[in-house]
Amino acid sequence: MDIPSKDARLAIWKVTLARSSFIQAKRACEALLQLGASAPEVVVTALSTTALVFYARPFKQDSEVKLDKALVPAEFTDLHEDIIRYRDKVIAHRDVKGPETPWGTANDVVFLLGRFVDGNTNDESHPRFWRGAAPVNSRRSALRGDG
């Protein structure tokens, strides 16, 4: 029996890695859907992270075995890019300039400060209640109110 060429072995590696990664991402998504809204936050975070990491893995390899993003159907290109960016800037690395979200960037540190009023820390009518969000690198300014 002849040993397959290096190129053939790398091609097998590429499709095998992609297939197994997508299966794992799918399983994590199915588990999330099955658990629904009753799932503890730690479980949702773990399964969401798992799905993102496994989906992105074939696209984040060395060039010899990296899956070409041209394989992503055109209607899913924006979603694909969002997933890869989120994986790169939030999950795998904590970049100060994370993806944009409704509250700022995904890596903003959000401070929720308040007073317990009738057991509720979110009483915004209380005169000493303050809520602010600030990126990690400017949290002192946000706390002082000048940033």
N, C-alpha and C. Protein backbone atom coordinates (compact mmCIF):
# COMPACT_ATOMS: atom_id res chain seq x y z
N MET A 1 0.84 -1.17 0.00
CA MET A 1 0.00 0.00 0.00
C MET A 1 0.89 1.24 0.00
N ASP A 2 0.57 2.16 -0.88
CA ASP A 2 1.32 3.41 -0.96
C ASP A 2 0.86 4.37 0.13
N ILE A 3 1.83 5.09 0.68
CA ILE A 3 1.51 6.13 1.66
C ILE A 3 1.00 7.34 0.88
N PRO A 4 -0.15 7.91 1.29
CA PRO A 4 -0.66 9.10 0.60
C PRO A 4 0.35 10.25 0.68
N SER A 5 0.32 11.09 -0.31
CA SER A 5 1.21 12.25 -0.33
C SER A 5 0.88 13.19 0.82
N LYS A 6 1.81 14.08 1.08
CA LYS A 6 1.58 15.08 2.14
C LYS A 6 0.34 15.90 1.81
N ASP A 7 0.18 16.32 0.57
CA ASP A 7 -0.99 17.11 0.18
C ASP A 7 -2.28 16.34 0.42
N ALA A 8 -2.29 15.05 0.10
CA ALA A 8 -3.48 14.22 0.32
C ALA A 8 -3.78 14.10 1.82
N ARG A 9 -2.74 13.90 2.61
CA ARG A 9 -2.93 13.78 4.06
C ARG A 9 -3.46 15.09 4.65
N LEU A 10 -2.93 16.22 4.16
CA LEU A 10 -3.41 17.52 4.65
C LEU A 10 -4.87 17.77 4.24
N ALA A 11 -5.23 17.34 3.05
CA ALA A 11 -6.62 17.49 2.59
C ALA A 11 -7.56 16.67 3.46
N ILE A 12 -7.14 15.46 3.80
CA ILE A 12 -7.94 14.61 4.69
C ILE A 12 -8.05 15.25 6.07
N TRP A 13 -6.94 15.77 6.57
CA TRP A 13 -6.94 16.46 7.85
C TRP A 13 -7.93 17.61 7.83
N LYS A 14 -7.88 18.43 6.77
CA LYS A 14 -8.73 19.62 6.67
C LYS A 14 -10.21 19.25 6.75
N VAL A 15 -10.65 18.31 5.95
CA VAL A 15 -12.08 17.97 5.94
C VAL A 15 -12.49 17.23 7.21
N THR A 16 -11.60 16.42 7.76
CA THR A 16 -11.92 15.70 8.99
C THR A 16 -12.05 16.67 10.17
N LEU A 17 -11.11 17.61 10.26
CA LEU A 17 -11.18 18.63 11.31
C LEU A 17 -12.44 19.46 11.17
N ALA A 18 -12.75 19.89 9.96
CA ALA A 18 -13.95 20.71 9.73
C ALA A 18 -15.20 19.93 10.12
N ARG A 19 -15.30 18.71 9.67
CA ARG A 19 -16.49 17.91 9.96
C ARG A 19 -16.67 17.69 11.46
N SER A 20 -15.62 17.28 12.13
CA SER A 20 -15.74 17.03 13.57
C SER A 20 -16.04 18.33 14.34
N SER A 21 -15.46 19.43 13.91
CA SER A 21 -15.71 20.72 14.57
C SER A 21 -17.15 21.15 14.39
N PHE A 22 -17.68 21.02 13.18
CA PHE A 22 -19.07 21.43 12.93
C PHE A 22 -20.05 20.52 13.67
N ILE A 23 -19.72 19.24 13.79
CA ILE A 23 -20.58 18.32 14.56
C ILE A 23 -20.61 18.77 16.03
N GLN A 24 -19.46 19.10 16.59
CA GLN A 24 -19.42 19.56 17.99
C GLN A 24 -20.16 20.88 18.17
N ALA A 25 -20.01 21.81 17.23
CA ALA A 25 -20.73 23.08 17.30
C ALA A 25 -22.24 22.84 17.25
N LYS A 26 -22.67 21.96 16.37
CA LYS A 26 -24.09 21.62 16.24
C LYS A 26 -24.61 21.01 17.54
N ARG A 27 -23.85 20.11 18.13
CA ARG A 27 -24.28 19.47 19.39
C ARG A 27 -24.44 20.51 20.51
N ALA A 28 -23.52 21.46 20.58
CA ALA A 28 -23.62 22.50 21.60
C ALA A 28 -24.87 23.35 21.37
N CYS A 29 -25.15 23.69 20.12
CA CYS A 29 -26.35 24.48 19.80
C CYS A 29 -27.62 23.70 20.12
N GLU A 30 -27.63 22.42 19.79
CA GLU A 30 -28.80 21.58 20.10
C GLU A 30 -29.03 21.49 21.61
N ALA A 31 -27.96 21.38 22.37
CA ALA A 31 -28.08 21.32 23.83
C ALA A 31 -28.64 22.64 24.37
N LEU A 32 -28.17 23.76 23.82
CA LEU A 32 -28.70 25.06 24.23
C LEU A 32 -30.20 25.15 23.96
N LEU A 33 -30.61 24.74 22.78
CA LEU A 33 -32.02 24.79 22.42
C LEU A 33 -32.85 23.86 23.30
N GLN A 34 -32.31 22.71 23.60
CA GLN A 34 -33.03 21.74 24.43
C GLN A 34 -33.19 22.26 25.86
N LEU A 35 -32.17 22.90 26.40
CA LEU A 35 -32.23 23.42 27.76
C LEU A 35 -33.16 24.62 27.87
N GLY A 36 -33.18 25.45 26.83
CA GLY A 36 -34.06 26.60 26.82
C GLY A 36 -33.70 27.65 27.86
N ALA A 37 -34.68 28.48 28.18
CA ALA A 37 -34.48 29.62 29.07
C ALA A 37 -34.20 29.21 30.51
N SER A 38 -34.49 27.97 30.86
CA SER A 38 -34.29 27.54 32.24
C SER A 38 -32.84 27.16 32.55
N ALA A 39 -31.99 27.16 31.55
CA ALA A 39 -30.59 26.75 31.76
C ALA A 39 -29.85 27.78 32.62
N PRO A 40 -29.02 27.31 33.55
CA PRO A 40 -28.20 28.23 34.34
C PRO A 40 -27.25 29.02 33.42
N GLU A 41 -26.96 30.23 33.81
CA GLU A 41 -26.10 31.10 33.00
C GLU A 41 -24.75 30.47 32.70
N VAL A 42 -24.17 29.78 33.67
CA VAL A 42 -22.86 29.16 33.47
C VAL A 42 -22.93 28.09 32.37
N VAL A 43 -24.04 27.38 32.29
CA VAL A 43 -24.21 26.35 31.26
C VAL A 43 -24.41 27.01 29.89
N VAL A 44 -25.19 28.07 29.85
CA VAL A 44 -25.39 28.80 28.58
C VAL A 44 -24.07 29.36 28.08
N THR A 45 -23.28 29.95 28.98
CA THR A 45 -21.97 30.49 28.61
C THR A 45 -21.06 29.39 28.09
N ALA A 46 -21.02 28.27 28.78
CA ALA A 46 -20.15 27.16 28.38
C ALA A 46 -20.56 26.61 27.01
N LEU A 47 -21.84 26.39 26.82
CA LEU A 47 -22.29 25.83 25.54
C LEU A 47 -22.15 26.84 24.40
N SER A 48 -22.41 28.11 24.67
CA SER A 48 -22.25 29.15 23.64
C SER A 48 -20.79 29.27 23.22
N THR A 49 -19.90 29.27 24.22
CA THR A 49 -18.46 29.34 23.93
C THR A 49 -18.02 28.13 23.13
N THR A 50 -18.50 26.96 23.53
CA THR A 50 -18.18 25.73 22.81
C THR A 50 -18.61 25.82 21.36
N ALA A 51 -19.84 26.27 21.12
CA ALA A 51 -20.35 26.37 19.76
C ALA A 51 -19.51 27.33 18.93
N LEU A 52 -19.19 28.50 19.49
CA LEU A 52 -18.40 29.49 18.76
C LEU A 52 -17.00 28.98 18.44
N VAL A 53 -16.36 28.40 19.43
CA VAL A 53 -14.98 27.93 19.24
C VAL A 53 -14.93 26.80 18.21
N PHE A 54 -15.83 25.82 18.35
CA PHE A 54 -15.82 24.71 17.40
C PHE A 54 -16.19 25.15 16.00
N TYR A 55 -17.15 26.08 15.86
CA TYR A 55 -17.49 26.58 14.52
C TYR A 55 -16.28 27.26 13.88
N ALA A 56 -15.60 28.10 14.64
CA ALA A 56 -14.50 28.90 14.09
C ALA A 56 -13.23 28.09 13.83
N ARG A 57 -13.05 27.00 14.54
CA ARG A 57 -11.78 26.26 14.49
C ARG A 57 -11.30 25.92 13.09
N PRO A 58 -12.12 25.41 12.18
CA PRO A 58 -11.59 25.08 10.84
C PRO A 58 -11.12 26.31 10.05
N PHE A 59 -11.62 27.49 10.41
CA PHE A 59 -11.25 28.71 9.71
C PHE A 59 -10.04 29.40 10.33
N LYS A 60 -9.56 28.88 11.45
CA LYS A 60 -8.48 29.52 12.20
C LYS A 60 -7.23 28.65 12.26
N GLN A 61 -7.01 27.81 11.28
CA GLN A 61 -5.87 26.89 11.26
C GLN A 61 -4.72 27.47 10.42
N ASP A 62 -3.59 26.75 10.43
CA ASP A 62 -2.50 27.10 9.53
C ASP A 62 -3.02 27.06 8.10
N SER A 63 -2.42 27.83 7.24
CA SER A 63 -2.92 27.97 5.86
C SER A 63 -3.06 26.64 5.12
N GLU A 64 -2.23 25.67 5.44
CA GLU A 64 -2.28 24.38 4.73
C GLU A 64 -3.59 23.63 4.99
N VAL A 65 -4.17 23.81 6.14
CA VAL A 65 -5.39 23.07 6.49
C VAL A 65 -6.56 23.99 6.85
N LYS A 66 -6.40 25.27 6.62
CA LYS A 66 -7.43 26.25 6.93
C LYS A 66 -8.57 26.14 5.93
N LEU A 67 -9.79 26.12 6.43
CA LEU A 67 -10.97 26.09 5.57
C LEU A 67 -11.16 27.46 4.96
N ASP A 68 -11.35 27.53 3.66
CA ASP A 68 -11.51 28.80 2.95
C ASP A 68 -12.88 29.39 3.24
N LYS A 69 -12.92 30.67 3.63
CA LYS A 69 -14.20 31.29 3.96
C LYS A 69 -15.10 31.43 2.73
N ALA A 70 -14.54 31.23 1.54
CA ALA A 70 -15.36 31.25 0.32
C ALA A 70 -16.37 30.10 0.31
N LEU A 71 -16.15 29.08 1.16
CA LEU A 71 -17.09 27.97 1.26
C LEU A 71 -18.38 28.36 1.99
N VAL A 72 -18.35 29.49 2.70
CA VAL A 72 -19.53 29.96 3.43
C VAL A 72 -20.51 30.53 2.42
N PRO A 73 -21.76 30.05 2.41
CA PRO A 73 -22.76 30.59 1.48
C PRO A 73 -22.91 32.10 1.65
N ALA A 74 -23.12 32.80 0.56
CA ALA A 74 -23.17 34.27 0.55
C ALA A 74 -24.16 34.83 1.57
N GLU A 75 -25.31 34.17 1.72
CA GLU A 75 -26.32 34.71 2.65
C GLU A 75 -25.89 34.60 4.12
N PHE A 76 -24.84 33.83 4.39
CA PHE A 76 -24.36 33.68 5.77
C PHE A 76 -23.01 34.34 6.00
N THR A 77 -22.49 35.07 5.02
CA THR A 77 -21.17 35.69 5.14
C THR A 77 -21.09 36.65 6.31
N ASP A 78 -22.09 37.53 6.46
CA ASP A 78 -22.06 38.50 7.57
C ASP A 78 -22.09 37.80 8.92
N LEU A 79 -22.95 36.80 9.06
CA LEU A 79 -23.03 36.04 10.31
C LEU A 79 -21.70 35.33 10.58
N HIS A 80 -21.14 34.72 9.55
CA HIS A 80 -19.85 34.04 9.68
C HIS A 80 -18.78 35.01 10.19
N GLU A 81 -18.70 36.18 9.56
CA GLU A 81 -17.70 37.18 9.97
C GLU A 81 -17.93 37.64 11.40
N ASP A 82 -19.19 37.80 11.80
CA ASP A 82 -19.50 38.19 13.18
C ASP A 82 -19.03 37.12 14.17
N ILE A 83 -19.28 35.86 13.84
CA ILE A 83 -18.88 34.76 14.72
C ILE A 83 -17.36 34.71 14.85
N ILE A 84 -16.66 34.83 13.74
CA ILE A 84 -15.19 34.78 13.76
C ILE A 84 -14.64 35.97 14.55
N ARG A 85 -15.18 37.16 14.32
CA ARG A 85 -14.72 38.36 15.04
C ARG A 85 -14.98 38.21 16.55
N TYR A 86 -16.17 37.71 16.92
CA TYR A 86 -16.50 37.52 18.33
C TYR A 86 -15.55 36.50 18.97
N ARG A 87 -15.29 35.42 18.26
CA ARG A 87 -14.34 34.40 18.75
C ARG A 87 -12.97 35.00 18.96
N ASP A 88 -12.52 35.80 17.99
CA ASP A 88 -11.18 36.38 18.04
C ASP A 88 -11.04 37.45 19.12
N LYS A 89 -12.03 38.30 19.27
CA LYS A 89 -11.89 39.49 20.11
C LYS A 89 -12.55 39.38 21.48
N VAL A 90 -13.36 38.36 21.68
CA VAL A 90 -14.02 38.23 22.98
C VAL A 90 -13.71 36.89 23.64
N ILE A 91 -13.84 35.80 22.91
CA ILE A 91 -13.66 34.48 23.49
C ILE A 91 -12.17 34.10 23.59
N ALA A 92 -11.47 34.10 22.47
CA ALA A 92 -10.08 33.65 22.45
C ALA A 92 -9.12 34.70 23.00
N HIS A 93 -9.45 35.96 22.80
CA HIS A 93 -8.60 37.07 23.25
C HIS A 93 -9.52 38.15 23.78
N ARG A 94 -9.07 38.90 24.73
CA ARG A 94 -9.88 40.00 25.27
C ARG A 94 -9.34 41.32 24.76
N ASP A 95 -9.65 41.64 23.51
CA ASP A 95 -9.20 42.89 22.92
C ASP A 95 -10.04 44.04 23.47
N VAL A 96 -9.40 45.17 23.71
CA VAL A 96 -10.11 46.35 24.18
C VAL A 96 -11.14 46.79 23.14
N LYS A 97 -10.81 46.64 21.88
CA LYS A 97 -11.72 47.01 20.79
C LYS A 97 -12.51 45.78 20.34
N GLY A 98 -13.41 45.32 21.17
CA GLY A 98 -14.24 44.17 20.83
C GLY A 98 -15.35 44.55 19.87
N PRO A 99 -16.14 43.58 19.42
CA PRO A 99 -17.26 43.85 18.52
C PRO A 99 -18.27 44.79 19.17
N GLU A 100 -18.93 45.60 18.36
CA GLU A 100 -19.94 46.54 18.85
C GLU A 100 -21.20 45.80 19.28
N THR A 101 -21.79 46.28 20.36
CA THR A 101 -23.04 45.75 20.89
C THR A 101 -23.94 46.94 21.20
N PRO A 102 -25.20 46.71 21.55
CA PRO A 102 -26.08 47.83 21.91
C PRO A 102 -25.56 48.66 23.09
N TRP A 103 -24.74 48.07 23.97
CA TRP A 103 -24.24 48.80 25.14
C TRP A 103 -22.83 49.31 24.98
N GLY A 104 -22.23 49.16 23.83
CA GLY A 104 -20.84 49.58 23.59
C GLY A 104 -20.12 48.45 22.91
N THR A 105 -18.87 48.22 23.31
CA THR A 105 -18.17 47.07 22.74
C THR A 105 -18.36 45.87 23.65
N ALA A 106 -18.23 44.68 23.09
CA ALA A 106 -18.48 43.45 23.85
C ALA A 106 -17.53 43.29 25.02
N ASN A 107 -16.41 43.97 25.01
CA ASN A 107 -15.45 43.83 26.10
C ASN A 107 -15.52 44.99 27.10
N ASP A 108 -16.56 45.81 27.01
CA ASP A 108 -16.74 46.86 28.00
C ASP A 108 -16.97 46.22 29.37
N VAL A 109 -16.46 46.88 30.36
CA VAL A 109 -16.77 46.48 31.73
C VAL A 109 -17.95 47.33 32.16
N VAL A 110 -19.00 46.70 32.61
CA VAL A 110 -20.20 47.42 33.01
C VAL A 110 -20.30 47.41 34.52
N PHE A 111 -20.42 48.59 35.08
CA PHE A 111 -20.57 48.72 36.52
C PHE A 111 -22.04 49.02 36.80
N LEU A 112 -22.64 48.22 37.62
CA LEU A 112 -24.01 48.48 38.06
C LEU A 112 -23.93 48.77 39.55
N LEU A 113 -24.17 50.01 39.90
CA LEU A 113 -24.09 50.41 41.29
C LEU A 113 -25.47 50.83 41.75
N GLY A 114 -25.81 50.48 42.91
CA GLY A 114 -27.10 50.86 43.43
C GLY A 114 -27.18 50.57 44.91
N ARG A 115 -28.29 50.89 45.46
CA ARG A 115 -28.53 50.66 46.86
C ARG A 115 -29.64 49.65 47.02
N PHE A 116 -29.55 48.86 48.06
CA PHE A 116 -30.65 47.95 48.34
C PHE A 116 -31.84 48.76 48.84
N VAL A 117 -32.91 48.70 48.14
CA VAL A 117 -34.15 49.34 48.57
C VAL A 117 -35.22 48.26 48.50
N ASP A 118 -35.75 47.89 49.63
CA ASP A 118 -36.72 46.79 49.71
C ASP A 118 -36.18 45.53 49.05
N GLY A 119 -34.89 45.25 49.23
CA GLY A 119 -34.30 44.05 48.68
C GLY A 119 -33.99 44.14 47.19
N ASN A 120 -34.20 45.29 46.57
CA ASN A 120 -33.98 45.45 45.14
C ASN A 120 -32.82 46.41 44.90
N THR A 121 -31.77 45.94 44.22
CA THR A 121 -30.62 46.80 43.96
C THR A 121 -30.82 47.67 42.73
N ASN A 122 -31.91 47.47 42.00
CA ASN A 122 -32.10 48.19 40.74
C ASN A 122 -33.14 49.31 40.84
N ASP A 123 -33.24 49.92 42.00
CA ASP A 123 -34.20 51.01 42.18
C ASP A 123 -33.61 52.29 41.59
N GLU A 124 -33.90 52.55 40.31
CA GLU A 124 -33.32 53.71 39.63
C GLU A 124 -33.89 55.03 40.13
N SER A 125 -35.00 54.98 40.88
CA SER A 125 -35.58 56.22 41.40
C SER A 125 -34.82 56.73 42.62
N HIS A 126 -34.00 55.85 43.21
CA HIS A 126 -33.24 56.27 44.38
C HIS A 126 -32.20 57.31 43.97
N PRO A 127 -32.06 58.40 44.75
CA PRO A 127 -31.15 59.49 44.35
C PRO A 127 -29.68 59.08 44.27
N ARG A 128 -29.28 58.00 44.94
CA ARG A 128 -27.88 57.60 44.90
C ARG A 128 -27.62 56.48 43.91
N PHE A 129 -28.65 56.07 43.16
CA PHE A 129 -28.48 55.01 42.17
C PHE A 129 -27.72 55.59 40.97
N TRP A 130 -26.74 54.84 40.48
CA TRP A 130 -25.99 55.27 39.29
C TRP A 130 -25.68 54.04 38.47
N ARG A 131 -25.80 54.16 37.16
CA ARG A 131 -25.47 53.05 36.27
C ARG A 131 -24.56 53.62 35.19
N GLY A 132 -23.49 52.92 34.92
CA GLY A 132 -22.59 53.37 33.87
C GLY A 132 -21.87 52.21 33.24
N ALA A 133 -21.41 52.43 32.03
CA ALA A 133 -20.62 51.42 31.33
C ALA A 133 -19.37 52.11 30.80
N ALA A 134 -18.25 51.42 30.91
CA ALA A 134 -17.00 52.01 30.43
C ALA A 134 -16.06 50.91 29.99
N PRO A 135 -15.31 51.17 28.92
CA PRO A 135 -14.28 50.18 28.55
C PRO A 135 -13.27 50.02 29.67
N VAL A 136 -12.63 48.87 29.69
CA VAL A 136 -11.65 48.55 30.74
C VAL A 136 -10.64 49.67 30.91
N ASN A 137 -10.16 50.24 29.82
CA ASN A 137 -9.08 51.21 29.92
C ASN A 137 -9.55 52.58 30.38
N SER A 138 -10.85 52.79 30.56
CA SER A 138 -11.28 54.11 31.03
C SER A 138 -12.23 54.01 32.22
N ARG A 139 -12.12 52.94 32.99
CA ARG A 139 -13.07 52.75 34.08
C ARG A 139 -12.93 53.81 35.17
N ARG A 140 -11.72 54.31 35.41
CA ARG A 140 -11.58 55.35 36.43
C ARG A 140 -12.33 56.61 36.04
N SER A 141 -12.23 57.00 34.78
CA SER A 141 -12.95 58.18 34.31
C SER A 141 -14.45 58.00 34.46
N ALA A 142 -14.93 56.82 34.13
CA ALA A 142 -16.37 56.56 34.23
C ALA A 142 -16.83 56.62 35.68
N LEU A 143 -16.02 56.10 36.59
CA LEU A 143 -16.41 56.13 37.99
C LEU A 143 -16.39 57.54 38.56
N ARG A 144 -15.46 58.36 38.06
CA ARG A 144 -15.40 59.76 38.51
C ARG A 144 -16.49 60.58 37.84
N GLY A 145 -17.01 60.08 36.71
CA GLY A 145 -18.05 60.82 36.00
C GLY A 145 -17.50 61.78 34.95
N ASP A 146 -16.19 61.74 34.69
CA ASP A 146 -15.62 62.67 33.72
C ASP A 146 -15.18 61.97 32.43
N GLY A 147 -15.65 60.73 32.19
CA GLY A 147 -15.22 59.99 31.02
C GLY A 147 -16.32 59.55 30.22
